Amino acid sequence: MASDAKGKALAAAKRAQADFEREQKRLLDARAKSRAKRRERFTAAQSAGLSLREIGQATDLHPTRVREILRES
């Protein structure tokens, strides 16, 4: 009986780890998409004639951070 309980606990721990890893991958993928979309929109704003300072003021980011975002690949 104790062996059966250990087996169930082990299976539950494995499922929990697999669920965690799957969720982490989903979050990383979502973050990458979000960052790419932000970079595209910042690029569009810059192409429309906005300066790094103007983009930064609109987004509450320092112009240096805006430049970093635009340079990310």
N, C-alpha and C. Protein backbone atom coordinates (compact mmCIF):
# COMPACT_ATOMS: atom_id res chain seq x y z
N MET A 1 0.83 -1.19 0.00
CA MET A 1 0.00 0.00 0.00
C MET A 1 0.87 1.26 0.00
N ALA A 2 1.94 1.27 0.79
CA ALA A 2 2.82 2.43 0.83
C ALA A 2 3.51 2.60 -0.52
N SER A 3 3.82 1.49 -1.17
CA SER A 3 4.46 1.55 -2.49
C SER A 3 3.53 2.18 -3.51
N ASP A 4 2.23 1.86 -3.42
CA ASP A 4 1.23 2.43 -4.32
C ASP A 4 1.11 3.95 -4.10
N ALA A 5 1.16 4.37 -2.86
CA ALA A 5 1.08 5.80 -2.55
C ALA A 5 2.31 6.54 -3.08
N LYS A 6 3.47 5.90 -2.94
CA LYS A 6 4.69 6.52 -3.46
C LYS A 6 4.63 6.63 -4.98
N GLY A 7 4.11 5.59 -5.63
CA GLY A 7 3.99 5.61 -7.09
C GLY A 7 3.07 6.72 -7.55
N LYS A 8 1.95 6.89 -6.86
CA LYS A 8 1.01 7.96 -7.22
C LYS A 8 1.64 9.33 -6.98
N ALA A 9 2.34 9.46 -5.87
CA ALA A 9 2.99 10.74 -5.56
C ALA A 9 4.07 11.06 -6.60
N LEU A 10 4.81 10.04 -7.01
CA LEU A 10 5.85 10.24 -8.02
C LEU A 10 5.24 10.64 -9.35
N ALA A 11 4.17 9.99 -9.75
CA ALA A 11 3.49 10.33 -11.00
C ALA A 11 2.94 11.75 -10.94
N ALA A 12 2.40 12.15 -9.80
CA ALA A 12 1.87 13.50 -9.64
C ALA A 12 2.99 14.53 -9.72
N ALA A 13 4.13 14.22 -9.15
CA ALA A 13 5.27 15.15 -9.21
C ALA A 13 5.76 15.29 -10.65
N LYS A 14 5.81 14.19 -11.39
CA LYS A 14 6.23 14.25 -12.79
C LYS A 14 5.25 15.08 -13.62
N ARG A 15 3.95 14.89 -13.39
CA ARG A 15 2.94 15.68 -14.10
C ARG A 15 3.08 17.15 -13.77
N ALA A 16 3.32 17.46 -12.50
CA ALA A 16 3.47 18.85 -12.09
C ALA A 16 4.67 19.50 -12.78
N GLN A 17 5.77 18.77 -12.88
CA GLN A 17 6.96 19.31 -13.56
C GLN A 17 6.69 19.51 -15.05
N ALA A 18 6.04 18.56 -15.68
CA ALA A 18 5.72 18.67 -17.11
C ALA A 18 4.79 19.85 -17.35
N ASP A 19 3.79 20.02 -16.48
CA ASP A 19 2.87 21.16 -16.60
C ASP A 19 3.62 22.48 -16.45
N PHE A 20 4.54 22.53 -15.48
CA PHE A 20 5.33 23.73 -15.24
C PHE A 20 6.17 24.08 -16.47
N GLU A 21 6.85 23.08 -17.02
CA GLU A 21 7.70 23.33 -18.19
C GLU A 21 6.89 23.78 -19.39
N ARG A 22 5.73 23.18 -19.59
CA ARG A 22 4.85 23.56 -20.70
C ARG A 22 4.38 25.00 -20.53
N GLU A 23 4.01 25.37 -19.33
CA GLU A 23 3.54 26.74 -19.05
C GLU A 23 4.68 27.75 -19.22
N GLN A 24 5.89 27.39 -18.80
CA GLN A 24 7.03 28.29 -18.96
C GLN A 24 7.31 28.54 -20.44
N LYS A 25 7.23 27.51 -21.26
CA LYS A 25 7.45 27.66 -22.70
C LYS A 25 6.38 28.57 -23.29
N ARG A 26 5.14 28.38 -22.88
CA ARG A 26 4.05 29.22 -23.39
C ARG A 26 4.28 30.67 -23.02
N LEU A 27 4.73 30.92 -21.80
CA LEU A 27 4.99 32.29 -21.37
C LEU A 27 6.16 32.91 -22.14
N LEU A 28 7.21 32.13 -22.37
CA LEU A 28 8.35 32.64 -23.14
C LEU A 28 7.95 32.98 -24.57
N ASP A 29 7.13 32.12 -25.18
CA ASP A 29 6.66 32.38 -26.53
C ASP A 29 5.80 33.64 -26.59
N ALA A 30 4.92 33.79 -25.61
CA ALA A 30 4.06 34.98 -25.57
C ALA A 30 4.89 36.24 -25.36
N ARG A 31 5.89 36.15 -24.53
CA ARG A 31 6.75 37.31 -24.28
C ARG A 31 7.52 37.70 -25.54
N ALA A 32 8.02 36.72 -26.27
CA ALA A 32 8.75 36.99 -27.51
C ALA A 32 7.85 37.67 -28.53
N LYS A 33 6.63 37.21 -28.65
CA LYS A 33 5.68 37.83 -29.58
C LYS A 33 5.37 39.26 -29.17
N SER A 34 5.18 39.46 -27.88
CA SER A 34 4.87 40.79 -27.36
C SER A 34 6.03 41.76 -27.60
N ARG A 35 7.24 41.30 -27.37
CA ARG A 35 8.42 42.15 -27.59
C ARG A 35 8.57 42.50 -29.07
N ALA A 36 8.33 41.54 -29.95
CA ALA A 36 8.44 41.78 -31.38
C ALA A 36 7.39 42.80 -31.84
N LYS A 37 6.19 42.68 -31.31
CA LYS A 37 5.12 43.62 -31.66
C LYS A 37 5.48 45.03 -31.18
N ARG A 38 6.01 45.14 -29.99
CA ARG A 38 6.41 46.44 -29.46
C ARG A 38 7.50 47.04 -30.33
N ARG A 39 8.49 46.24 -30.71
CA ARG A 39 9.58 46.72 -31.56
C ARG A 39 9.05 47.20 -32.91
N GLU A 40 8.12 46.46 -33.50
CA GLU A 40 7.52 46.86 -34.78
C GLU A 40 6.80 48.20 -34.65
N ARG A 41 6.07 48.37 -33.57
CA ARG A 41 5.32 49.61 -33.38
C ARG A 41 6.24 50.79 -33.09
N PHE A 42 7.31 50.56 -32.35
CA PHE A 42 8.29 51.62 -32.11
C PHE A 42 8.97 52.00 -33.43
N THR A 43 9.28 51.00 -34.24
CA THR A 43 9.89 51.27 -35.55
C THR A 43 8.94 52.08 -36.42
N ALA A 44 7.67 51.74 -36.41
CA ALA A 44 6.68 52.49 -37.18
C ALA A 44 6.58 53.92 -36.67
N ALA A 45 6.63 54.10 -35.36
CA ALA A 45 6.57 55.45 -34.80
C ALA A 45 7.79 56.26 -35.22
N GLN A 46 8.93 55.64 -35.21
CA GLN A 46 10.16 56.32 -35.62
C GLN A 46 10.10 56.65 -37.11
N SER A 47 9.59 55.74 -37.91
CA SER A 47 9.45 55.98 -39.35
C SER A 47 8.46 57.11 -39.64
N ALA A 48 7.49 57.28 -38.74
CA ALA A 48 6.51 58.36 -38.90
C ALA A 48 7.09 59.71 -38.49
N GLY A 49 8.33 59.71 -38.01
CA GLY A 49 8.99 60.96 -37.69
C GLY A 49 9.16 61.27 -36.21
N LEU A 50 8.72 60.36 -35.35
CA LEU A 50 8.88 60.58 -33.92
C LEU A 50 10.32 60.33 -33.50
N SER A 51 10.79 61.13 -32.58
CA SER A 51 12.14 60.94 -32.05
C SER A 51 12.11 59.90 -30.94
N LEU A 52 13.29 59.44 -30.55
CA LEU A 52 13.38 58.50 -29.43
C LEU A 52 12.81 59.14 -28.17
N ARG A 53 13.07 60.41 -28.00
CA ARG A 53 12.57 61.13 -26.83
C ARG A 53 11.04 61.16 -26.83
N GLU A 54 10.44 61.43 -27.98
CA GLU A 54 8.97 61.48 -28.07
C GLU A 54 8.35 60.12 -27.81
N ILE A 55 8.96 59.09 -28.37
CA ILE A 55 8.45 57.73 -28.12
C ILE A 55 8.60 57.40 -26.64
N GLY A 56 9.73 57.76 -26.07
CA GLY A 56 9.97 57.50 -24.65
C GLY A 56 8.98 58.24 -23.76
N GLN A 57 8.68 59.48 -24.08
CA GLN A 57 7.71 60.24 -23.28
C GLN A 57 6.33 59.61 -23.36
N ALA A 58 5.97 59.14 -24.54
CA ALA A 58 4.64 58.53 -24.73
C ALA A 58 4.52 57.20 -24.00
N THR A 59 5.64 56.52 -23.81
CA THR A 59 5.61 55.18 -23.22
C THR A 59 6.22 55.12 -21.82
N ASP A 60 6.59 56.27 -21.29
CA ASP A 60 7.23 56.33 -19.97
C ASP A 60 8.53 55.53 -19.92
N LEU A 61 9.28 55.57 -21.02
CA LEU A 61 10.58 54.91 -21.08
C LEU A 61 11.64 55.96 -21.38
N HIS A 62 12.84 55.71 -20.90
CA HIS A 62 13.95 56.59 -21.20
C HIS A 62 14.32 56.41 -22.68
N PRO A 63 14.71 57.47 -23.36
CA PRO A 63 15.08 57.34 -24.78
C PRO A 63 16.16 56.29 -25.04
N THR A 64 17.06 56.11 -24.08
CA THR A 64 18.08 55.08 -24.23
C THR A 64 17.44 53.69 -24.28
N ARG A 65 16.43 53.48 -23.45
CA ARG A 65 15.72 52.18 -23.46
C ARG A 65 14.98 52.00 -24.77
N VAL A 66 14.39 53.08 -25.29
CA VAL A 66 13.70 53.00 -26.58
C VAL A 66 14.70 52.57 -27.66
N ARG A 67 15.88 53.16 -27.65
CA ARG A 67 16.92 52.80 -28.62
C ARG A 67 17.29 51.32 -28.48
N GLU A 68 17.44 50.85 -27.24
CA GLU A 68 17.76 49.43 -27.02
C GLU A 68 16.69 48.52 -27.60
N ILE A 69 15.44 48.90 -27.39
CA ILE A 69 14.33 48.10 -27.90
C ILE A 69 14.37 48.05 -29.42
N LEU A 70 14.64 49.19 -30.04
CA LEU A 70 14.70 49.24 -31.50
C LEU A 70 15.86 48.44 -32.05
N ARG A 71 16.93 48.28 -31.30
CA ARG A 71 18.10 47.54 -31.76
C ARG A 71 18.02 46.04 -31.48
N GLU A 72 17.07 45.62 -30.68
CA GLU A 72 16.92 44.19 -30.38
C GLU A 72 16.61 43.42 -31.66
N SER A 73 17.12 42.21 -31.74
CA SER A 73 16.83 41.42 -32.94
C SER A 73 16.11 40.14 -32.58
